[in-house]
PDB file of N, CA and C in Angstrom:
ATOM      1  N   MET A   1       0.870  -1.130   0.026  1.00  0.00           N
ATOM      2  CA  MET A   1       0.059   0.167   0.064  1.00  0.00           C
ATOM      3  C   MET A   1       0.932   1.312  -0.008  1.00  0.00           C
ATOM      4  N   PRO A   2       0.747   2.066  -1.007  1.00  0.00           N
ATOM      5  CA  PRO A   2       1.703   3.208  -1.145  1.00  0.00           C
ATOM      6  C   PRO A   2       1.137   4.174  -0.005  1.00  0.00           C
ATOM      7  N   GLU A   3       2.662   4.928   0.553  1.00  0.00           N
ATOM      8  CA  GLU A   3       2.543   6.180   1.609  1.00  0.00           C
ATOM      9  C   GLU A   3       1.793   7.117   0.877  1.00  0.00           C
ATOM     10  N   ASP A   4       0.712   7.614   1.365  1.00  0.00           N
ATOM     11  CA  ASP A   4      -0.442   8.620   0.984  1.00  0.00           C
ATOM     12  C   ASP A   4      -0.695   9.574   2.229  1.00  0.00           C
ATOM     13  N   ALA A   5      -0.766  11.031   1.699  1.00  0.00           N
ATOM     14  CA  ALA A   5      -1.267  11.919   2.958  1.00  0.00           C
ATOM     15  C   ALA A   5      -2.516  11.586   3.373  1.00  0.00           C
ATOM     16  N   ARG A   6      -3.422  10.949   2.633  1.00  0.00           N
ATOM     17  CA  ARG A   6      -4.939  10.780   2.734  1.00  0.00           C
ATOM     18  C   ARG A   6      -4.927   9.704   3.548  1.00  0.00           C
ATOM     19  N   ASN A   7      -3.895   8.772   3.884  1.00  0.00           N
ATOM     20  CA  ASN A   7      -3.816   7.518   4.506  1.00  0.00           C
ATOM     21  C   ASN A   7      -2.373   7.196   5.113  1.00  0.00           C
ATOM     22  N   ARG A   8      -2.038   8.071   5.980  1.00  0.00           N
ATOM     23  CA  ARG A   8      -0.981   8.029   6.818  1.00  0.00           C
ATOM     24  C   ARG A   8      -1.001   7.012   7.757  1.00  0.00           C
ATOM     25  N   PRO A   9      -0.228   6.100   8.254  1.00  0.00           N
ATOM     26  CA  PRO A   9      -0.156   5.156   9.226  1.00  0.00           C
ATOM     27  C   PRO A   9      -0.707   5.603  10.553  1.00  0.00           C
ATOM     28  N   LEU A  10      -1.393   4.968  11.315  1.00  0.00           N
ATOM     29  CA  LEU A  10      -1.880   5.482  12.715  1.00  0.00           C
ATOM     30  C   LEU A  10      -1.256   4.890  13.636  1.00  0.00           C
ATOM     31  N   ARG A  11      -0.850   5.342  14.933  1.00  0.00           N
ATOM     32  CA  ARG A  11      -0.326   4.694  15.990  1.00  0.00           C
ATOM     33  C   ARG A  11      -1.416   4.145  16.831  1.00  0.00           C
ATOM     34  N   VAL A  12      -1.174   2.697  17.306  1.00  0.00           N
ATOM     35  CA  VAL A  12      -2.211   2.299  18.260  1.00  0.00           C
ATOM     36  C   VAL A  12      -1.961   2.796  19.715  1.00  0.00           C
ATOM     37  N   ALA A  13      -2.612   3.782  19.905  1.00  0.00           N
ATOM     38  CA  ALA A  13      -2.741   4.383  21.508  1.00  0.00           C
ATOM     39  C   ALA A  13      -3.315   3.521  22.717  1.00  0.00           C
ATOM     40  N   SER A  14      -4.226   2.652  22.088  1.00  0.00           N
ATOM     41  CA  SER A  14      -4.956   2.003  23.477  1.00  0.00           C
ATOM     42  C   SER A  14      -5.422   0.689  22.473  1.00  0.00           C
ATOM     43  N   PHE A  15      -5.639  -0.492  23.433  1.00  0.00           N
ATOM     44  CA  PHE A  15      -6.361  -1.767  22.935  1.00  0.00           C
ATOM     45  C   PHE A  15      -7.084  -2.053  23.998  1.00  0.00           C
ATOM     46  N   ILE A  16      -8.184  -2.336  23.516  1.00  0.00           N
ATOM     47  CA  ILE A  16      -9.485  -2.971  24.373  1.00  0.00           C
ATOM     48  C   ILE A  16      -9.859  -4.371  24.153  1.00  0.00           C
ATOM     49  N   GLY A  17      -9.730  -5.198  25.031  1.00  0.00           N
ATOM     50  CA  GLY A  17     -10.318  -6.541  24.563  1.00  0.00           C
ATOM     51  C   GLY A  17     -11.517  -6.696  25.666  1.00  0.00           C
ATOM     52  N   THR A  18     -12.649  -7.250  25.178  1.00  0.00           N
ATOM     53  CA  THR A  18     -13.967  -7.311  25.852  1.00  0.00           C
ATOM     54  C   THR A  18     -13.971  -8.861  26.352  1.00  0.00           C
ATOM     55  N   ARG A  19     -14.878  -9.085  27.060  1.00  0.00           N
ATOM     56  CA  ARG A  19     -15.303 -10.379  27.447  1.00  0.00           C
ATOM     57  C   ARG A  19     -16.781 -10.600  26.589  1.00  0.00           C
ATOM     58  N   ALA A  20     -16.833 -12.021  26.799  1.00  0.00           N
ATOM     59  CA  ALA A  20     -18.080 -12.545  26.248  1.00  0.00           C
ATOM     60  C   ALA A  20     -19.340 -12.129  26.686  1.00  0.00           C
ATOM     61  N   ALA A  21     -19.157 -11.520  28.039  1.00  0.00           N
ATOM     62  CA  ALA A  21     -20.319 -11.205  28.683  1.00  0.00           C
ATOM     63  C   ALA A  21     -20.836  -9.718  28.592  1.00  0.00           C
ATOM     64  N   ASP A  22     -19.796  -9.037  27.683  1.00  0.00           N
ATOM     65  CA  ASP A  22     -20.053  -7.667  27.528  1.00  0.00           C
ATOM     66  C   ASP A  22     -20.867  -7.436  26.593  1.00  0.00           C
ATOM     67  N   THR A  23     -21.810  -6.020  26.638  1.00  0.00           N
ATOM     68  CA  THR A  23     -22.734  -5.882  25.704  1.00  0.00           C
ATOM     69  C   THR A  23     -22.329  -5.246  24.661  1.00  0.00           C
ATOM     70  N   ASP A  24     -21.144  -4.517  24.736  1.00  0.00           N
ATOM     71  CA  ASP A  24     -20.779  -3.698  23.566  1.00  0.00           C
ATOM     72  C   ASP A  24     -19.432  -4.533  23.232  1.00  0.00           C
ATOM     73  N   ARG A  25     -19.492  -5.010  22.444  1.00  0.00           N
ATOM     74  CA  ARG A  25     -17.999  -5.668  21.651  1.00  0.00           C
ATOM     75  C   ARG A  25     -17.812  -6.121  20.239  1.00  0.00           C
ATOM     76  N   GLY A  26     -16.931  -6.499  19.937  1.00  0.00           N
ATOM     77  CA  GLY A  26     -16.755  -6.542  18.420  1.00  0.00           C
ATOM     78  C   GLY A  26     -15.677  -5.820  17.922  1.00  0.00           C
ATOM     79  N   PRO A  27     -15.183  -5.955  16.792  1.00  0.00           N
ATOM     80  CA  PRO A  27     -13.963  -4.992  16.289  1.00  0.00           C
ATOM     81  C   PRO A  27     -14.348  -3.522  16.004  1.00  0.00           C
ATOM     82  N   GLN A  28     -13.562  -2.854  16.576  1.00  0.00           N
ATOM     83  CA  GLN A  28     -13.993  -1.421  16.337  1.00  0.00           C
ATOM     84  C   GLN A  28     -12.731  -0.614  16.359  1.00  0.00           C
ATOM     85  N   VAL A  29     -12.635   0.554  15.631  1.00  0.00           N
ATOM     86  CA  VAL A  29     -11.294   1.417  15.574  1.00  0.00           C
ATOM     87  C   VAL A  29     -11.864   2.642  15.991  1.00  0.00           C
ATOM     88  N   ARG A  30     -11.433   3.406  16.772  1.00  0.00           N
ATOM     89  CA  ARG A  30     -11.725   4.826  17.296  1.00  0.00           C
ATOM     90  C   ARG A  30     -10.660   5.675  16.612  1.00  0.00           C
ATOM     91  N   ILE A  31     -10.869   6.862  15.884  1.00  0.00           N
ATOM     92  CA  ILE A  31      -9.975   7.927  15.268  1.00  0.00           C
ATOM     93  C   ILE A  31     -10.666   9.111  15.537  1.00  0.00           C
ATOM     94  N   HIS A  32      -9.681   9.922  15.338  1.00  0.00           N
ATOM     95  CA  HIS A  32     -10.181  11.527  15.333  1.00  0.00           C
ATOM     96  C   HIS A  32     -10.748  11.932  14.247  1.00  0.00           C
ATOM     97  N   PRO A  33     -11.955  12.866  14.367  1.00  0.00           N
ATOM     98  CA  PRO A  33     -12.507  13.258  13.010  1.00  0.00           C
ATOM     99  C   PRO A  33     -11.981  13.667  11.968  1.00  0.00           C
ATOM    100  N   GLU A  34     -10.562  14.060  12.051  1.00  0.00           N
ATOM    101  CA  GLU A  34      -9.859  14.690  10.908  1.00  0.00           C
ATOM    102  C   GLU A  34      -9.267  13.591  10.090  1.00  0.00           C
ATOM    103  N   ASP A  35      -8.933  12.488  10.890  1.00  0.00           N
ATOM    104  CA  ASP A  35      -8.232  11.248  10.174  1.00  0.00           C
ATOM    105  C   ASP A  35      -9.356  10.630   9.588  1.00  0.00           C
ATOM    106  N   ALA A  36     -10.320  10.592  10.303  1.00  0.00           N
ATOM    107  CA  ALA A  36     -11.620   9.685   9.544  1.00  0.00           C
ATOM    108  C   ALA A  36     -11.915  10.569   8.117  1.00  0.00           C
ATOM    109  N   HIS A  37     -11.881  11.738   8.289  1.00  0.00           N
ATOM    110  CA  HIS A  37     -12.640  12.729   7.084  1.00  0.00           C
ATOM    111  C   HIS A  37     -11.391  12.508   5.872  1.00  0.00           C
ATOM    112  N   SER A  38     -10.134  12.426   6.185  1.00  0.00           N
ATOM    113  CA  SER A  38      -9.051  12.281   5.049  1.00  0.00           C
ATOM    114  C   SER A  38      -9.206  10.945   4.702  1.00  0.00           C
ATOM    115  N   ARG A  39      -9.857   9.899   5.314  1.00  0.00           N
ATOM    116  CA  ARG A  39     -10.032   8.546   4.788  1.00  0.00           C
ATOM    117  C   ARG A  39     -11.611   8.555   4.114  1.00  0.00           C
ATOM    118  N   LEU A  40     -12.110   9.381   4.272  1.00  0.00           N
ATOM    119  CA  LEU A  40     -13.610   9.388   3.722  1.00  0.00           C
ATOM    120  C   LEU A  40     -14.518   8.528   4.408  1.00  0.00           C
ATOM    121  N   LEU A  41     -14.068   8.393   5.912  1.00  0.00           N
ATOM    122  CA  LEU A  41     -14.711   7.166   6.702  1.00  0.00           C
ATOM    123  C   LEU A  41     -15.914   8.075   7.529  1.00  0.00           C
ATOM    124  N   ALA A  42     -17.029   7.523   7.707  1.00  0.00           N
ATOM    125  CA  ALA A  42     -17.987   8.112   8.763  1.00  0.00           C
ATOM    126  C   ALA A  42     -18.136   7.157   9.751  1.00  0.00           C
ATOM    127  N   ASP A  43     -18.791   7.813  11.022  1.00  0.00           N
ATOM    128  CA  ASP A  43     -19.236   7.120  12.174  1.00  0.00           C
ATOM    129  C   ASP A  43     -20.029   5.988  12.074  1.00  0.00           C
ATOM    130  N   GLY A  44     -19.760   4.589  12.456  1.00  0.00           N
ATOM    131  CA  GLY A  44     -20.688   3.678  12.128  1.00  0.00           C
ATOM    132  C   GLY A  44     -20.146   2.839  10.934  1.00  0.00           C
ATOM    133  N   GLU A  45     -19.252   3.489  10.183  1.00  0.00           N
ATOM    134  CA  GLU A  45     -19.013   2.784   8.628  1.00  0.00           C
ATOM    135  C   GLU A  45     -17.898   1.676   8.879  1.00  0.00           C
ATOM    136  N   LEU A  46     -17.888   0.635   8.138  1.00  0.00           N
ATOM    137  CA  LEU A  46     -17.231  -0.372   8.415  1.00  0.00           C
ATOM    138  C   LEU A  46     -15.699  -0.116   7.665  1.00  0.00           C
ATOM    139  N   ALA A  47     -14.264  -0.525   7.918  1.00  0.00           N
ATOM    140  CA  ALA A  47     -13.015   0.084   7.334  1.00  0.00           C
ATOM    141  C   ALA A  47     -12.112  -1.105   7.494  1.00  0.00           C
ATOM    142  N   TRP A  48     -11.279  -1.414   6.556  1.00  0.00           N
ATOM    143  CA  TRP A  48     -10.215  -2.484   6.897  1.00  0.00           C
ATOM    144  C   TRP A  48      -9.233  -2.001   7.773  1.00  0.00           C
ATOM    145  N   VAL A  49      -8.651  -2.686   8.841  1.00  0.00           N
ATOM    146  CA  VAL A  49      -7.720  -2.079   9.673  1.00  0.00           C
ATOM    147  C   VAL A  49      -6.554  -3.357   9.508  1.00  0.00           C
ATOM    148  N   HIS A  50      -5.371  -2.621   8.635  1.00  0.00           N
ATOM    149  CA  HIS A  50      -4.313  -3.423   8.195  1.00  0.00           C
ATOM    150  C   HIS A  50      -3.265  -3.390   9.383  1.00  0.00           C
ATOM    151  N   GLY A  51      -3.046  -4.377  10.033  1.00  0.00           N
ATOM    152  CA  GLY A  51      -1.928  -4.253  11.012  1.00  0.00           C
ATOM    153  C   GLY A  51      -0.558  -5.092  10.532  1.00  0.00           C
ATOM    154  N   PRO A  52       0.332  -5.285  11.378  1.00  0.00           N
ATOM    155  CA  PRO A  52       1.570  -5.934  11.071  1.00  0.00           C
ATOM    156  C   PRO A  52       1.359  -7.458  10.697  1.00  0.00           C
ATOM    157  N   ARG A  53       0.529  -8.223  11.137  1.00  0.00           N
ATOM    158  CA  ARG A  53       0.158  -9.238  11.044  1.00  0.00           C
ATOM    159  C   ARG A  53      -0.897 -10.106  10.277  1.00  0.00           C
ATOM    160  N   ARG A  54      -1.724  -9.129  10.291  1.00  0.00           N
ATOM    161  CA  ARG A  54      -3.199  -9.595   9.721  1.00  0.00           C
ATOM    162  C   ARG A  54      -4.008  -8.385   9.450  1.00  0.00           C
ATOM    163  N   GLN A  55      -5.048  -8.467   8.786  1.00  0.00           N
ATOM    164  CA  GLN A  55      -6.185  -7.457   8.495  1.00  0.00           C
ATOM    165  C   GLN A  55      -7.416  -7.630   8.787  1.00  0.00           C
ATOM    166  N   GLU A  56      -8.293  -6.741   9.322  1.00  0.00           N
ATOM    167  CA  GLU A  56      -9.839  -7.223   9.660  1.00  0.00           C
ATOM    168  C   GLU A  56     -10.744  -6.032   9.441  1.00  0.00           C
ATOM    169  N   LEU A  57     -11.935  -6.379   9.540  1.00  0.00           N
ATOM    170  CA  LEU A  57     -12.769  -5.285   9.409  1.00  0.00           C
ATOM    171  C   LEU A  57     -13.255  -5.169  10.472  1.00  0.00           C
ATOM    172  N   ALA A  58     -13.476  -3.753  10.805  1.00  0.00           N
ATOM    173  CA  ALA A  58     -13.891  -3.065  12.030  1.00  0.00           C
ATOM    174  C   ALA A  58     -14.745  -1.946  11.557  1.00  0.00           C
ATOM    175  N   THR A  59     -15.873  -1.856  12.873  1.00  0.00           N
ATOM    176  CA  THR A  59     -16.448  -0.468  12.744  1.00  0.00           C
ATOM    177  C   THR A  59     -15.875   0.813  13.175  1.00  0.00           C
ATOM    178  N   VAL A  60     -15.951   1.969  12.573  1.00  0.00           N
ATOM    179  CA  VAL A  60     -15.478   3.304  12.746  1.00  0.00           C
ATOM    180  C   VAL A  60     -16.061   3.814  13.974  1.00  0.00           C
ATOM    181  N   ALA A  61     -15.446   4.293  14.656  1.00  0.00           N
ATOM    182  CA  ALA A  61     -16.081   5.188  15.739  1.00  0.00           C
ATOM    183  C   ALA A  61     -15.305   6.437  15.682  1.00  0.00           C
ATOM    184  N   VAL A  62     -15.835   7.495  15.395  1.00  0.00           N
ATOM    185  CA  VAL A  62     -15.311   8.846  15.174  1.00  0.00           C
ATOM    186  C   VAL A  62     -15.131   9.458  16.694  1.00  0.00           C
ATOM    187  N   ASP A  63     -14.196   9.779  17.034  1.00  0.00           N
ATOM    188  CA  ASP A  63     -14.018  10.180  18.496  1.00  0.00           C
ATOM    189  C   ASP A  63     -13.162  11.346  18.894  1.00  0.00           C
ATOM    190  N   GLU A  64     -13.635  12.791  19.008  1.00  0.00           N
ATOM    191  CA  GLU A  64     -12.821  13.921  19.158  1.00  0.00           C
ATOM    192  C   GLU A  64     -11.722  13.945  20.442  1.00  0.00           C
ATOM    193  N   SER A  65     -11.857  12.981  21.445  1.00  0.00           N
ATOM    194  CA  SER A  65     -11.272  12.849  22.552  1.00  0.00           C
ATOM    195  C   SER A  65      -9.487  12.033  21.922  1.00  0.00           C
ATOM    196  N   MET A  66      -9.745  11.296  20.945  1.00  0.00           N
ATOM    197  CA  MET A  66      -8.524  10.827  20.282  1.00  0.00           C
ATOM    198  C   MET A  66      -7.475  11.958  19.776  1.00  0.00           C
ATOM    199  N   ARG A  67      -6.316  11.732  19.824  1.00  0.00           N
ATOM    200  CA  ARG A  67      -5.255  12.571  19.413  1.00  0.00           C
ATOM    201  C   ARG A  67      -5.294  12.247  17.895  1.00  0.00           C
ATOM    202  N   ARG A  68      -4.898  13.199  17.079  1.00  0.00           N
ATOM    203  CA  ARG A  68      -4.595  13.110  15.514  1.00  0.00           C
ATOM    204  C   ARG A  68      -3.339  12.080  15.442  1.00  0.00           C
ATOM    205  N   GLY A  69      -3.437  11.068  14.455  1.00  0.00           N
ATOM    206  CA  GLY A  69      -2.305  10.369  14.101  1.00  0.00           C
ATOM    207  C   GLY A  69      -2.627   9.013  15.207  1.00  0.00           C
ATOM    208  N   ASP A  70      -3.378   9.071  16.303  1.00  0.00           N
ATOM    209  CA  ASP A  70      -3.406   8.003  17.015  1.00  0.00           C
ATOM    210  C   ASP A  70      -5.025   7.084  16.839  1.00  0.00           C
ATOM    211  N   CYS A  71      -4.968   5.672  17.042  1.00  0.00           N
ATOM    212  CA  CYS A  71      -6.153   5.360  17.205  1.00  0.00           C
ATOM    213  C   CYS A  71      -6.206   4.296  18.349  1.00  0.00           C
ATOM    214  N   ALA A  72      -7.437   3.946  18.647  1.00  0.00           N
ATOM    215  CA  ALA A  72      -7.897   2.907  19.786  1.00  0.00           C
ATOM    216  C   ALA A  72      -8.524   1.742  19.175  1.00  0.00           C
ATOM    217  N   LEU A  73      -7.970   0.918  19.389  1.00  0.00           N
ATOM    218  CA  LEU A  73      -8.640  -0.681  18.913  1.00  0.00           C
ATOM    219  C   LEU A  73      -9.468  -1.367  19.797  1.00  0.00           C
ATOM    220  N   ARG A  74     -10.615  -1.974  19.393  1.00  0.00           N
ATOM    221  CA  ARG A  74     -11.297  -3.012  20.424  1.00  0.00           C
ATOM    222  C   ARG A  74     -11.477  -4.267  19.634  1.00  0.00           C
ATOM    223  N   ASP A  75     -11.158  -5.159  20.400  1.00  0.00           N
ATOM    224  CA  ASP A  75     -11.133  -6.796  19.840  1.00  0.00           C
ATOM    225  C   ASP A  75     -10.685  -7.030  18.295  1.00  0.00           C
ATOM    226  N   ILE A  76      -9.317  -6.568  18.146  1.00  0.00           N
ATOM    227  CA  ILE A  76      -8.884  -6.754  17.016  1.00  0.00           C
ATOM    228  C   ILE A  76      -7.540  -7.395  17.138  1.00  0.00           C
ATOM    229  N   THR A  77      -7.449  -8.961  16.570  1.00  0.00           N
ATOM    230  CA  THR A  77      -6.454  -9.633  17.161  1.00  0.00           C
ATOM    231  C   THR A  77      -5.102  -9.197  16.430  1.00  0.00           C
ATOM    232  N   GLY A  78      -4.014  -9.572  17.006  1.00  0.00           N
ATOM    233  CA  GLY A  78      -2.739  -9.417  16.118  1.00  0.00           C
ATOM    234  C   GLY A  78      -2.110  -8.074  16.144  1.00  0.00           C
ATOM    235  N   VAL A  79      -2.709  -7.100  17.030  1.00  0.00           N
ATOM    236  CA  VAL A  79      -2.001  -5.708  17.012  1.00  0.00           C
ATOM    237  C   VAL A  79      -1.920  -5.375  18.549  1.00  0.00           C
ATOM    238  N   ALA A  80      -0.693  -4.723  18.769  1.00  0.00           N
ATOM    239  CA  ALA A  80      -0.187  -4.252  20.304  1.00  0.00           C
ATOM    240  C   ALA A  80      -0.231  -2.768  20.198  1.00  0.00           C
ATOM    241  N   PRO A  81      -0.453  -2.233  21.423  1.00  0.00           N
ATOM    242  CA  PRO A  81      -0.344  -0.683  21.621  1.00  0.00           C
ATOM    243  C   PRO A  81       1.108  -0.382  21.357  1.00  0.00           C
ATOM    244  N   SER A  82       1.415   0.742  20.670  1.00  0.00           N
ATOM    245  CA  SER A  82       2.421   1.336  20.177  1.00  0.00           C
ATOM    246  C   SER A  82       2.780   0.788  18.512  1.00  0.00           C
ATOM    247  N   GLU A  83       2.274  -0.020  18.059  1.00  0.00           N
ATOM    248  CA  GLU A  83       2.190  -0.486  16.744  1.00  0.00           C
ATOM    249  C   GLU A  83       1.498   0.305  15.722  1.00  0.00           C
ATOM    250  N   VAL A  84       2.152   0.129  14.577  1.00  0.00           N
ATOM    251  CA  VAL A  84       1.320   1.080  13.574  1.00  0.00           C
ATOM    252  C   VAL A  84       0.424   0.306  12.623  1.00  0.00           C
ATOM    253  N   VAL A  85      -0.818   0.953  12.481  1.00  0.00           N
ATOM    254  CA  VAL A  85      -1.800   0.179  11.466  1.00  0.00           C
ATOM    255  C   VAL A  85      -2.145   1.115  10.507  1.00  0.00           C
ATOM    256  N   ARG A  86      -2.896   0.681   9.437  1.00  0.00           N
ATOM    257  CA  ARG A  86      -3.620   1.516   8.394  1.00  0.00           C
ATOM    258  C   ARG A  86      -5.220   1.426   8.386  1.00  0.00           C
ATOM    259  N   VAL A  87      -5.958   2.249   8.377  1.00  0.00           N
ATOM    260  CA  VAL A  87      -7.300   2.211   8.261  1.00  0.00           C
ATOM    261  C   VAL A  87      -7.898   2.628   6.928  1.00  0.00           C
ATOM    262  N   VAL A  88      -8.447   1.661   6.381  1.00  0.00           N
ATOM    263  CA  VAL A  88      -8.582   2.082   4.644  1.00  0.00           C
ATOM    264  C   VAL A  88     -10.480   1.771   4.783  1.00  0.00           C
ATOM    265  N   LYS A  89     -10.734   2.699   3.908  1.00  0.00           N
ATOM    266  CA  LYS A  89     -12.181   2.283   3.354  1.00  0.00           C
ATOM    267  C   LYS A  89     -12.290   1.315   2.352  1.00  0.00           C
ATOM    268  N   PRO A  90     -13.145   0.501   2.504  1.00  0.00           N
ATOM    269  CA  PRO A  90     -13.336  -0.853   1.586  1.00  0.00           C
ATOM    270  C   PRO A  90     -13.674  -0.404   0.054  1.00  0.00           C
ATOM    271  N   ASP A  91     -13.109  -0.867  -0.610  1.00  0.00           N
ATOM    272  CA  ASP A  91     -13.478  -0.508  -1.887  1.00  0.00           C
ATOM    273  C   ASP A  91     -14.550  -1.397  -2.544  1.00  0.00           C
ATOM    274  N   LEU A  92     -15.652  -0.833  -2.697  1.00  0.00           N
ATOM    275  CA  LEU A  92     -17.015  -1.662  -2.943  1.00  0.00           C
ATOM    276  C   LEU A  92     -17.601  -1.197  -4.008  1.00  0.00           C
ATOM    277  N   ASP A  93     -16.766  -0.341  -4.827  1.00  0.00           N
ATOM    278  CA  ASP A  93     -17.203   0.052  -6.352  1.00  0.00           C
ATOM    279  C   ASP A  93     -16.290  -0.777  -7.410  1.00  0.00           C
ATOM    280  N   SER A  94     -15.172  -1.645  -7.245  1.00  0.00           N
ATOM    281  CA  SER A  94     -14.709  -2.294  -8.161  1.00  0.00           C
ATOM    282  C   SER A  94     -15.488  -3.726  -8.269  1.00  0.00           C
ATOM    283  N   HIS A  95     -15.485  -3.763  -9.748  1.00  0.00           N
ATOM    284  CA  HIS A  95     -15.999  -4.931 -10.048  1.00  0.00           C
ATOM    285  C   HIS A  95     -15.372  -6.228 -10.193  1.00  0.00           C
ATOM    286  N   THR A  96     -14.153  -6.305  -9.533  1.00  0.00           N
ATOM    287  CA  THR A  96     -13.327  -7.491  -9.935  1.00  0.00           C
ATOM    288  C   THR A  96     -13.863  -8.584  -9.102  1.00  0.00           C
ATOM    289  N   ARG A  97     -13.923  -9.842  -9.983  1.00  0.00           N
ATOM    290  CA  ARG A  97     -14.440 -11.201  -9.543  1.00  0.00           C
ATOM    291  C   ARG A  97     -13.406 -11.889  -9.006  1.00  0.00           C
ATOM    292  N   ARG A  98     -13.254 -11.746  -7.581  1.00  0.00           N
ATOM    293  CA  ARG A  98     -12.299 -12.835  -7.306  1.00  0.00           C
ATOM    294  C   ARG A  98     -12.768 -14.105  -6.541  1.00  0.00           C
ATOM    295  N   GLY A  99     -12.298 -15.127  -7.038  1.00  0.00           N
ATOM    296  CA  GLY A  99     -12.801 -16.338  -6.511  1.00  0.00           C
ATOM    297  C   GLY A  99     -13.457 -17.243  -7.362  1.00  0.00           C
ATOM    298  N   HIS A 100     -13.826 -16.607  -8.265  1.00  0.00           N
ATOM    299  CA  HIS A 100     -15.088 -17.027  -9.274  1.00  0.00           C
ATOM    300  C   HIS A 100     -14.450 -17.703 -10.756  1.00  0.00           C
ATOM    301  N   PHE A 101     -14.954 -18.806 -10.974  1.00  0.00           N
ATOM    302  CA  PHE A 101     -14.301 -19.611 -11.914  1.00  0.00           C
ATOM    303  C   PHE A 101     -15.448 -19.400 -13.096  1.00  0.00           C
ATOM    304  N   ALA A 102     -14.778 -19.305 -14.451  1.00  0.00           N
ATOM    305  CA  ALA A 102     -15.480 -19.246 -15.641  1.00  0.00           C
ATOM    306  C   ALA A 102     -15.084 -18.114 -16.414  1.00  0.00           C
TER     307      ALA A 102
END
């Protein structure tokens, strides 16, 4: 993925791991409104979180209390605090047919 001003890497400032009994759980990425705007992401939208070991879809939560360039992750495996991730809007307009034979 090329280095781009619209998609600079984000530092993982905090990580939240939930329990099975928690009502609010599942993959989530919390980012500053300016970081969300530069990536064309809105609150509640899905985005790819590309970490050093894997990638995962997560719900975006726009949070003004986050510092610009930082993010907070919830229930995303393979990422630790202080590592760098990229948050990318999924390409749903592409008409590539992956995994289809014919």
